[in-house]
């Protein structure tokens, strides 16, 4: 029979470790719950270590008095070396979405199992590998010990926990359903990350083709084309070269002799674009362009609609007031056109009107979405209707991404063929001129 090692909490919040000889992991979890423990980790011991592990406990009881549950997991001659903790800002200074989602779901599980919030944070702090999140959890626990609420503690770390996270937790605290709110937060983050991953995967191919095209053109213009210039000059002279060939050779010479200037020009264009997008007018023009762009527009529009509906539906269903929910959705929309529309919805609701007219006036949301929101508002099932719209548009995102990928592949291939083919044609044109002269 396999042996499972476990880490669990007793009713007083003390950590207990030991082993169980059971048929499977589900039986181990059931046995621990019957013993009054809250399991946080249950894993099967390797067969090579099973015999040594059997001496740690029998019938689900670990050796040790007073419920301490200390298990001897090391041999007599074993040595434990603890490496110093090193925090590198560029590596450990950020908490990824997946890490935060895992933390949220684990905390929801512990709270739902009846473990006190503070004790749950301490448990997660011990097993957290991300140094930034581990230190943040420690600060959250200390803040709660000092008398602050969980939402107030989260608000002190805006770089990790955004306003959506903080306000949903606050609503869960006020409603006494913190574990439900945390579960919704985890599900929301997982779905948002899933959509983002699909868009990134779709953009990988065109970006990789673009990088390859730039590399090929750089090599051709810097090393290959200049070698033909002397050959052409000897055969035809500078005046005998075709104008298109002369243009390509001039560009090649400029790139070869002004490498740093060329790189600086490309960098300056990129920086200028970034600075322009940060202005109000530039940001509005760029966001509008994204939504109406032929290939990328449908994907961007569907992603924005799905995100708006899911965020607003999650906030309302969690108990956050509608006006506060709209403010949060506006701040997390990421698109100025959507922000303007949501602000109009906020002002309309504030005046006691419906949210349908502003949604329809912004011309970002399709009529079917506006109609479904209208039905949800009239029937009092707005959160459920918003979630259905979000689910539907997540499927639409899949179709739009597939269509975008199928369209981008031939476009990028033709683009690469035109760029490289133009250089090749420019190199062959002098040969054609020379052959015409020899024939005449």
Protein backbone atom coordinates (compact mmCIF):
# COMPACT_ATOMS: atom_id res chain seq x y z
CA UNK A 1 0.00 0.00 0.00
CA UNK A 2 1.46 3.43 -0.91
CA UNK A 3 2.52 5.90 1.75
CA UNK A 4 1.49 9.57 1.64
CA UNK A 5 3.20 12.36 3.56
CA UNK A 6 1.03 15.26 4.61
CA UNK A 7 1.19 18.77 6.01
CA UNK A 8 -1.97 19.89 7.78
CA UNK A 9 -3.35 22.35 10.34
CA UNK A 10 -5.20 21.40 13.47
CA UNK A 11 -8.13 23.29 14.99
CA UNK A 12 -5.76 25.63 16.83
CA UNK A 13 -3.90 26.55 13.65
CA UNK A 14 -0.75 24.58 14.48
CA UNK A 15 1.09 22.81 11.68
CA UNK A 16 1.18 19.02 11.75
CA UNK A 17 3.28 16.72 9.59
CA UNK A 18 3.21 12.95 9.19
CA UNK A 19 2.48 10.02 6.91
CA UNK A 20 -0.49 7.81 6.09
CA UNK A 21 -0.65 4.31 4.60
CA UNK A 22 -3.71 4.57 2.34
CA UNK A 23 -4.76 3.42 -1.12
CA UNK A 24 -4.83 6.85 -2.82
CA UNK A 25 -4.68 10.59 -2.26
CA UNK A 26 -8.46 11.01 -1.93
CA UNK A 27 -8.51 8.48 0.90
CA UNK A 28 -5.67 10.36 2.58
CA UNK A 29 -7.63 13.62 2.40
CA UNK A 30 -10.72 11.92 3.80
CA UNK A 31 -8.72 10.39 6.66
CA UNK A 32 -7.17 13.74 7.56
CA UNK A 33 -10.56 15.48 7.62
CA UNK A 34 -11.90 12.72 9.88
CA UNK A 35 -8.96 13.38 12.21
CA UNK A 36 -9.96 17.07 12.37
CA UNK A 37 -7.06 18.35 10.28
CA UNK A 38 -7.06 20.88 7.45
CA UNK A 39 -4.68 19.45 4.82
CA UNK A 40 -2.47 21.88 2.91
CA UNK A 41 -0.21 19.35 1.20
CA UNK A 42 -0.59 15.62 0.53
CA UNK A 43 1.95 13.85 -1.70
CA UNK A 44 2.93 10.23 -2.24
CA UNK A 45 6.29 9.21 -0.79
CA UNK A 46 8.72 7.65 -3.28
CA UNK A 47 8.92 3.87 -3.14
CA UNK A 48 12.59 4.02 -2.27
CA UNK A 49 11.75 6.07 0.82
CA UNK A 50 8.53 4.27 1.77
CA UNK A 51 10.14 1.93 4.28
CA UNK A 52 11.83 4.77 6.12
CA UNK A 53 8.64 6.81 6.05
CA UNK A 54 6.57 4.07 7.73
CA UNK A 55 8.35 4.67 11.01
CA UNK A 56 7.06 8.21 11.16
CA UNK A 57 3.48 7.36 12.02
CA UNK A 58 0.85 4.63 12.12
CA UNK A 59 -2.89 4.80 11.54
CA UNK A 60 -2.64 8.42 10.43
CA UNK A 61 -0.82 9.57 13.59
CA UNK A 62 2.58 11.16 13.38
CA UNK A 63 5.10 10.66 16.16
CA UNK A 64 5.36 13.49 18.67
CA UNK A 65 3.42 14.68 21.64
CA UNK A 66 0.99 17.46 22.06
CA UNK A 67 -0.20 17.38 18.44
CA UNK A 68 3.09 18.77 17.17
CA UNK A 69 3.30 16.00 14.62
CA UNK A 70 7.06 16.14 14.11
CA UNK A 71 8.24 13.62 11.56
CA UNK A 72 11.81 12.56 11.11
CA UNK A 73 12.29 13.02 7.40
CA UNK A 74 16.12 13.00 7.38
CA UNK A 75 18.76 10.38 8.01
CA UNK A 76 21.28 10.49 10.79
CA UNK A 77 24.06 11.73 8.55
CA UNK A 78 22.00 14.17 6.51
CA UNK A 79 22.93 17.79 6.22
CA UNK A 80 20.75 20.76 5.30
CA UNK A 81 22.43 23.72 3.66
CA UNK A 82 20.45 26.96 3.56
CA UNK A 83 21.48 29.36 0.87
CA UNK A 84 21.25 33.09 1.55
CA UNK A 85 18.18 34.88 0.24
CA UNK A 86 18.97 36.98 -2.79
CA UNK A 87 16.46 39.42 -4.24
CA UNK A 88 17.27 40.70 -7.71
CA UNK A 89 14.88 43.55 -8.63
CA UNK A 90 14.75 42.76 -12.35
CA UNK A 91 13.99 39.08 -11.68
CA UNK A 92 12.01 38.92 -8.44
CA UNK A 93 10.49 42.41 -8.40
CA UNK A 94 7.34 41.45 -10.25
CA UNK A 95 4.48 39.08 -9.54
CA UNK A 96 3.10 37.40 -12.64
CA UNK A 97 -0.58 36.85 -13.28
CA UNK A 98 -0.26 33.07 -12.98
CA UNK A 99 1.53 33.34 -9.62
CA UNK A 100 -1.09 35.76 -8.27
CA UNK A 101 -3.91 33.57 -9.56
CA UNK A 102 -2.46 30.50 -7.85
CA UNK A 103 -2.11 32.43 -4.59
CA UNK A 104 -5.72 33.65 -4.81
CA UNK A 105 -7.13 30.19 -5.48
CA UNK A 106 -5.09 28.59 -2.67
CA UNK A 107 -6.17 31.28 -0.21
CA UNK A 108 -9.82 30.78 -1.25
CA UNK A 109 -9.46 27.02 -0.62
CA UNK A 110 -7.95 27.52 2.83
CA UNK A 111 -10.57 30.08 3.90
CA UNK A 112 -13.37 27.89 2.55
CA UNK A 113 -11.98 24.95 4.58
CA UNK A 114 -12.45 27.00 7.76
CA UNK A 115 -8.86 28.10 8.31
CA UNK A 116 -8.55 31.64 9.69
CA UNK A 117 -7.40 34.21 7.13
CA UNK A 118 -4.25 35.14 9.03
CA UNK A 119 -3.22 31.51 9.44
CA UNK A 120 -3.93 30.86 5.77
CA UNK A 121 -1.63 33.72 4.78
CA UNK A 122 1.15 32.33 6.96
CA UNK A 123 0.76 28.89 5.39
CA UNK A 124 0.97 30.31 1.88
CA UNK A 125 3.91 32.49 2.85
CA UNK A 126 5.96 29.43 3.84
CA UNK A 127 5.41 27.63 0.54
CA UNK A 128 5.56 30.64 -1.80
CA UNK A 129 8.61 30.59 -4.10
CA UNK A 130 8.27 34.07 -5.58
CA UNK A 131 10.29 36.30 -3.22
CA UNK A 132 8.30 39.44 -3.97
CA UNK A 133 4.95 37.80 -3.28
CA UNK A 134 6.35 36.01 -0.23
CA UNK A 135 7.47 39.33 1.29
CA UNK A 136 4.15 40.91 0.34
CA UNK A 137 2.19 38.13 2.05
CA UNK A 138 4.30 38.67 5.17
CA UNK A 139 3.43 42.39 5.10
CA UNK A 140 -0.26 41.55 4.60
CA UNK A 141 -0.21 39.25 7.61
CA UNK A 142 1.52 41.86 9.77
CA UNK A 143 -0.98 44.50 8.68
CA UNK A 144 -3.91 42.24 9.62
CA UNK A 145 -2.28 41.49 12.96
CA UNK A 146 -2.10 45.26 13.49
CA UNK A 147 -5.88 45.58 13.12
CA UNK A 148 -6.30 46.41 9.42
CA UNK A 149 -8.80 44.64 7.22
CA UNK A 150 -7.67 42.39 4.39
CA UNK A 151 -8.81 44.85 1.72
CA UNK A 152 -7.00 47.73 3.44
CA UNK A 153 -3.84 45.64 3.56
CA UNK A 154 -4.15 44.78 -0.14
CA UNK A 155 -4.67 48.45 -1.05
CA UNK A 156 -1.20 49.21 0.35
CA UNK A 157 0.32 47.20 -2.53
CA UNK A 158 -1.24 48.70 -5.71
CA UNK A 159 1.52 47.36 -7.99
CA UNK A 160 0.47 43.78 -7.20
CA UNK A 161 -3.22 44.07 -6.29
CA UNK A 162 -5.15 46.42 -8.58
CA UNK A 163 -8.38 48.22 -7.73
CA UNK A 164 -10.46 45.38 -9.16
CA UNK A 165 -8.84 42.93 -6.74
CA UNK A 166 -9.08 45.25 -3.72
CA UNK A 167 -12.72 46.23 -4.25
CA UNK A 168 -13.88 42.68 -4.83
CA UNK A 169 -12.16 41.55 -1.64
CA UNK A 170 -13.74 44.48 0.21
CA UNK A 171 -17.18 43.49 -1.06
CA UNK A 172 -16.51 39.88 -0.02
CA UNK A 173 -15.53 41.00 3.47
CA UNK A 174 -18.66 43.10 3.89
CA UNK A 175 -20.88 40.29 2.61
CA UNK A 176 -19.13 37.56 4.60
CA UNK A 177 -18.32 35.59 1.42
CA UNK A 178 -14.60 36.20 1.11
CA UNK A 179 -13.87 32.67 -0.12
CA UNK A 180 -16.47 33.02 -2.89
CA UNK A 181 -15.02 36.37 -3.95
CA UNK A 182 -11.48 35.00 -4.01
CA UNK A 183 -12.62 32.07 -6.16
CA UNK A 184 -14.30 34.46 -8.60
CA UNK A 185 -11.13 36.54 -8.72
CA UNK A 186 -9.06 33.48 -9.56
CA UNK A 187 -11.50 32.40 -12.28
CA UNK A 188 -11.56 35.91 -13.71
CA UNK A 189 -7.75 36.09 -13.83
CA UNK A 190 -7.50 32.65 -15.44
CA UNK A 191 -9.95 33.55 -18.21
CA UNK A 192 -8.26 36.91 -18.82
CA UNK A 193 -4.86 35.22 -19.02
CA UNK A 194 -6.28 32.64 -21.41
CA UNK A 195 -7.48 35.33 -23.83
CA UNK A 196 -4.17 37.19 -23.56
CA UNK A 197 -2.27 33.99 -24.28
CA UNK A 198 -4.32 33.34 -27.42
CA UNK A 199 -3.64 36.82 -28.76
CA UNK A 200 0.08 36.54 -27.99
CA UNK A 201 0.25 33.16 -29.71
CA UNK A 202 -1.45 34.62 -32.78
CA UNK A 203 1.02 37.51 -32.88
CA UNK A 204 4.07 35.26 -32.58
CA UNK A 205 4.10 34.23 -36.24
CA UNK A 206 3.91 37.70 -37.85
CA UNK A 207 6.42 39.13 -35.37
CA UNK A 208 8.87 36.29 -35.99
CA UNK A 209 8.52 36.72 -39.78
CA UNK A 210 9.08 40.47 -39.36
CA UNK A 211 12.24 39.89 -37.31
CA UNK A 212 13.55 37.41 -39.89
CA UNK A 213 12.79 39.86 -42.70
CA UNK A 214 14.67 42.68 -40.96
CA UNK A 215 17.64 40.39 -40.28
CA UNK A 216 17.77 39.17 -43.89
CA UNK A 217 17.52 42.68 -45.32
CA UNK A 218 20.19 43.91 -42.91
CA UNK A 219 22.61 41.16 -43.95
CA UNK A 220 21.93 41.67 -47.66
CA UNK A 221 22.25 45.44 -47.52
CA UNK A 222 25.36 45.42 -45.32
CA UNK A 223 27.45 42.52 -46.65
CA UNK A 224 26.07 41.18 -49.93
CA UNK A 225 24.92 44.20 -51.99
CA UNK A 226 28.13 46.29 -51.53
CA UNK A 227 30.18 43.52 -53.17
CA UNK A 228 28.17 43.90 -56.38
CA UNK A 229 28.76 47.65 -56.61
CA UNK A 230 32.37 47.36 -57.74
CA UNK A 231 31.47 44.64 -60.22
CA UNK A 232 28.71 46.75 -61.77
CA UNK A 233 30.94 49.84 -61.91
CA UNK A 234 33.62 47.94 -63.81
CA UNK A 235 31.12 46.51 -66.27
CA UNK A 236 28.76 49.44 -66.88
CA UNK A 237 30.08 52.45 -64.97
CA UNK A 238 27.98 54.55 -62.63
CA UNK A 239 25.97 56.12 -65.45
CA UNK A 240 25.05 52.77 -66.97
CA UNK A 241 23.39 51.41 -63.82
CA UNK A 242 19.57 51.28 -63.76
CA UNK A 243 17.97 53.83 -61.44
CA UNK A 244 16.42 51.16 -59.22
CA UNK A 245 19.78 49.42 -58.80
CA UNK A 246 21.44 52.77 -58.05
CA UNK A 247 18.79 53.43 -55.36
CA UNK A 248 19.37 50.06 -53.69
CA UNK A 249 23.16 50.57 -53.77
CA UNK A 250 22.85 54.06 -52.25
CA UNK A 251 20.67 52.70 -49.43
CA UNK A 252 23.16 49.88 -48.87
CA UNK A 253 26.10 52.30 -48.69
CA UNK A 254 24.24 54.54 -46.27
CA UNK A 255 23.36 51.63 -43.96
CA UNK A 256 26.92 50.25 -44.11
CA UNK A 257 28.63 53.58 -43.39
CA UNK A 258 26.02 54.83 -40.89
CA UNK A 259 25.09 51.79 -38.87
CA UNK A 260 24.73 53.71 -35.61
CA UNK A 261 22.76 56.49 -37.29
CA UNK A 262 20.40 53.91 -38.82
CA UNK A 263 19.85 52.19 -35.47
CA UNK A 264 19.42 55.58 -33.83
CA UNK A 265 16.81 56.55 -36.42
CA UNK A 266 14.84 53.35 -35.82
CA UNK A 267 15.07 53.88 -32.04
CA UNK A 268 13.99 57.52 -32.36
CA UNK A 269 10.93 56.49 -34.39
CA UNK A 270 10.00 53.95 -31.72
CA UNK A 271 10.51 56.44 -28.88
CA UNK A 272 8.57 59.14 -30.73
CA UNK A 273 5.68 56.73 -31.19
CA UNK A 274 5.72 55.85 -27.48
CA UNK A 275 5.74 59.52 -26.48
CA UNK A 276 2.94 60.34 -28.93
CA UNK A 277 0.78 57.52 -27.59
CA UNK A 278 1.17 58.88 -24.05
CA UNK A 279 -0.53 62.15 -25.04
CA UNK A 280 -4.32 62.34 -24.89
CA UNK A 281 -4.79 62.99 -28.60
CA UNK A 282 -2.20 60.40 -29.64
CA UNK A 283 -3.68 57.76 -27.34
CA UNK A 284 -7.19 58.40 -28.63
CA UNK A 285 -6.07 58.17 -32.28
CA UNK A 286 -4.09 54.98 -31.62
CA UNK A 287 -6.88 53.25 -29.67
CA UNK A 288 -9.40 54.19 -32.35
CA UNK A 289 -7.05 52.89 -35.04
CA UNK A 290 -6.66 49.56 -33.25
CA UNK A 291 -10.43 49.04 -33.14
CA UNK A 292 -10.96 49.80 -36.85
CA UNK A 293 -7.79 48.16 -38.21
CA UNK A 294 -8.68 45.63 -40.97
CA UNK A 295 -6.93 42.54 -39.59
CA UNK A 296 -6.37 43.32 -35.90
CA UNK A 297 -9.53 45.36 -35.35
CA UNK A 298 -12.04 42.48 -34.96
CA UNK A 299 -9.78 40.71 -32.45
CA UNK A 300 -9.13 43.87 -30.41
CA UNK A 301 -12.85 44.74 -30.41
CA UNK A 302 -13.96 41.28 -29.25
CA UNK A 303 -11.28 41.15 -26.55
CA UNK A 304 -12.38 44.57 -25.27
CA UNK A 305 -16.05 43.57 -25.18
CA UNK A 306 -15.33 40.28 -23.43
CA UNK A 307 -13.13 41.99 -20.85
CA UNK A 308 -15.69 44.73 -20.18
CA UNK A 309 -18.57 42.29 -19.71
CA UNK A 310 -16.66 39.83 -17.53
CA UNK A 311 -15.14 42.52 -15.32
CA UNK A 312 -18.42 44.35 -14.79
CA UNK A 313 -20.36 41.12 -14.27
CA UNK A 314 -17.81 39.82 -11.75
CA UNK A 315 -17.85 43.06 -9.76
CA UNK A 316 -21.64 43.35 -9.63
CA UNK A 317 -22.14 39.69 -8.72
CA UNK A 318 -19.56 40.10 -5.93
CA UNK A 319 -21.60 42.89 -4.35
CA UNK A 320 -19.65 45.94 -5.52
CA UNK A 321 -22.01 48.92 -6.13
CA UNK A 322 -22.77 49.61 -9.80
CA UNK A 323 -21.23 53.11 -9.89
CA UNK A 324 -18.07 51.92 -8.18
CA UNK A 325 -17.95 48.92 -10.53
CA UNK A 326 -18.18 51.17 -13.57
CA UNK A 327 -15.32 53.31 -12.27
CA UNK A 328 -13.14 50.24 -11.80
CA UNK A 329 -14.02 48.88 -15.23
CA UNK A 330 -13.22 52.25 -16.78
CA UNK A 331 -9.81 52.38 -15.13
CA UNK A 332 -8.93 48.82 -16.18
CA UNK A 333 -10.32 48.95 -19.74
CA UNK A 334 -7.00 49.89 -21.36
CA UNK A 335 -8.69 51.74 -24.24
CA UNK A 336 -9.57 55.44 -24.32
CA UNK A 337 -12.60 54.89 -26.58
CA UNK A 338 -13.99 52.36 -24.11
CA UNK A 339 -13.15 54.64 -21.18
CA UNK A 340 -15.23 57.41 -22.75
CA UNK A 341 -18.13 55.04 -23.32
CA UNK A 342 -17.99 53.67 -19.77
CA UNK A 343 -17.81 57.19 -18.36
CA UNK A 344 -20.99 58.01 -20.29
CA UNK A 345 -22.62 54.89 -18.82
CA UNK A 346 -21.52 55.97 -15.33
CA UNK A 347 -22.99 59.44 -15.78
CA UNK A 348 -26.22 57.97 -17.15
CA UNK A 349 -26.62 55.57 -14.22
CA UNK A 350 -25.76 58.35 -11.78
CA UNK A 351 -28.65 60.39 -13.18
CA UNK A 352 -31.02 57.44 -12.74
CA UNK A 353 -31.11 56.41 -16.38
CA UNK A 354 -30.26 53.10 -18.07
CA UNK A 355 -26.87 51.96 -19.31
CA UNK A 356 -28.11 50.95 -22.77
CA UNK A 357 -28.16 54.34 -24.51
CA UNK A 358 -24.48 55.23 -23.80
CA UNK A 359 -23.36 51.74 -24.86
CA UNK A 360 -25.22 52.11 -28.13
CA UNK A 361 -23.96 55.66 -28.73
CA UNK A 362 -20.26 54.76 -28.47
CA UNK A 363 -20.58 52.40 -31.49
CA UNK A 364 -18.04 49.97 -30.01
CA UNK A 365 -20.54 47.37 -28.80
CA UNK A 366 -22.54 45.43 -31.40
CA UNK A 367 -26.36 45.65 -31.29
CA UNK A 368 -26.65 42.09 -29.97
CA UNK A 369 -24.53 43.00 -26.93
CA UNK A 370 -26.56 46.13 -26.26
CA UNK A 371 -29.80 44.13 -26.55
CA UNK A 372 -28.61 41.43 -24.13
CA UNK A 373 -27.48 44.06 -21.60
CA UNK A 374 -30.87 45.78 -21.97
CA UNK A 375 -32.67 42.51 -21.27
CA UNK A 376 -30.45 41.81 -18.27
CA UNK A 377 -31.08 45.27 -16.84
CA UNK A 378 -34.85 45.00 -17.25
CA UNK A 379 -35.08 41.49 -15.77
CA UNK A 380 -32.69 42.18 -12.88
CA UNK A 381 -30.23 39.57 -14.11
CA UNK A 382 -27.55 41.93 -15.40
CA UNK A 383 -24.54 40.06 -13.91
CA UNK A 384 -25.66 36.73 -15.38
CA UNK A 385 -26.33 38.31 -18.77
CA UNK A 386 -22.93 40.02 -18.78
CA UNK A 387 -21.24 36.70 -18.00
CA UNK A 388 -23.09 35.02 -20.88
CA UNK A 389 -21.98 37.78 -23.24
CA UNK A 390 -18.38 37.38 -21.99
CA UNK A 391 -18.47 33.61 -22.51
CA UNK A 392 -19.90 34.07 -26.00
CA UNK A 393 -17.28 36.62 -26.99
CA UNK A 394 -14.46 34.49 -25.66
CA UNK A 395 -15.50 31.92 -28.23
CA UNK A 396 -15.67 34.73 -30.79
CA UNK A 397 -12.10 35.67 -29.86
CA UNK A 398 -10.98 32.13 -30.72
CA UNK A 399 -12.59 32.41 -34.16
CA UNK A 400 -11.24 35.92 -34.73
CA UNK A 401 -7.70 34.89 -33.74
CA UNK A 402 -7.85 31.91 -36.12
CA UNK A 403 -9.07 34.16 -38.93
CA UNK A 404 -6.38 36.74 -38.19
CA UNK A 405 -3.66 34.08 -38.21
CA UNK A 406 -4.86 32.62 -41.51
CA UNK A 407 -4.85 36.10 -43.07
CA UNK A 408 -1.50 37.18 -41.66
CA UNK A 409 0.42 34.13 -42.90
CA UNK A 410 0.09 34.88 -46.64
CA UNK A 411 0.43 38.63 -46.02
CA UNK A 412 3.76 38.21 -44.21
CA UNK A 413 5.02 35.71 -46.79
CA UNK A 414 4.21 38.14 -49.62
CA UNK A 415 5.81 40.99 -47.66
CA UNK A 416 9.03 39.03 -47.16
CA UNK A 417 9.03 37.94 -50.82
CA UNK A 418 8.55 41.53 -52.04
CA UNK A 419 11.35 42.93 -49.86
CA UNK A 420 13.92 40.24 -50.66
CA UNK A 421 12.75 39.93 -54.27
CA UNK A 422 13.19 43.66 -54.84
CA UNK A 423 16.82 43.45 -53.75
CA UNK A 424 17.44 40.43 -55.97
CA UNK A 425 15.80 42.15 -58.97
CA UNK A 426 17.91 45.26 -58.40
CA UNK A 427 21.04 43.09 -58.57
CA UNK A 428 19.95 41.34 -61.76
CA UNK A 429 18.91 44.45 -63.69
CA UNK A 430 22.53 45.49 -64.54
CA UNK A 431 23.14 41.99 -65.89
CA UNK A 432 20.12 42.34 -68.17
CA UNK A 433 21.39 45.73 -69.39
CA UNK A 434 24.82 44.21 -70.06
CA UNK A 435 23.29 41.32 -71.97
CA UNK A 436 21.28 43.78 -74.12
CA UNK A 437 24.48 45.72 -74.96
CA UNK A 438 26.33 42.55 -75.87
CA UNK A 439 23.43 41.41 -78.04
CA UNK A 440 23.29 44.72 -79.92
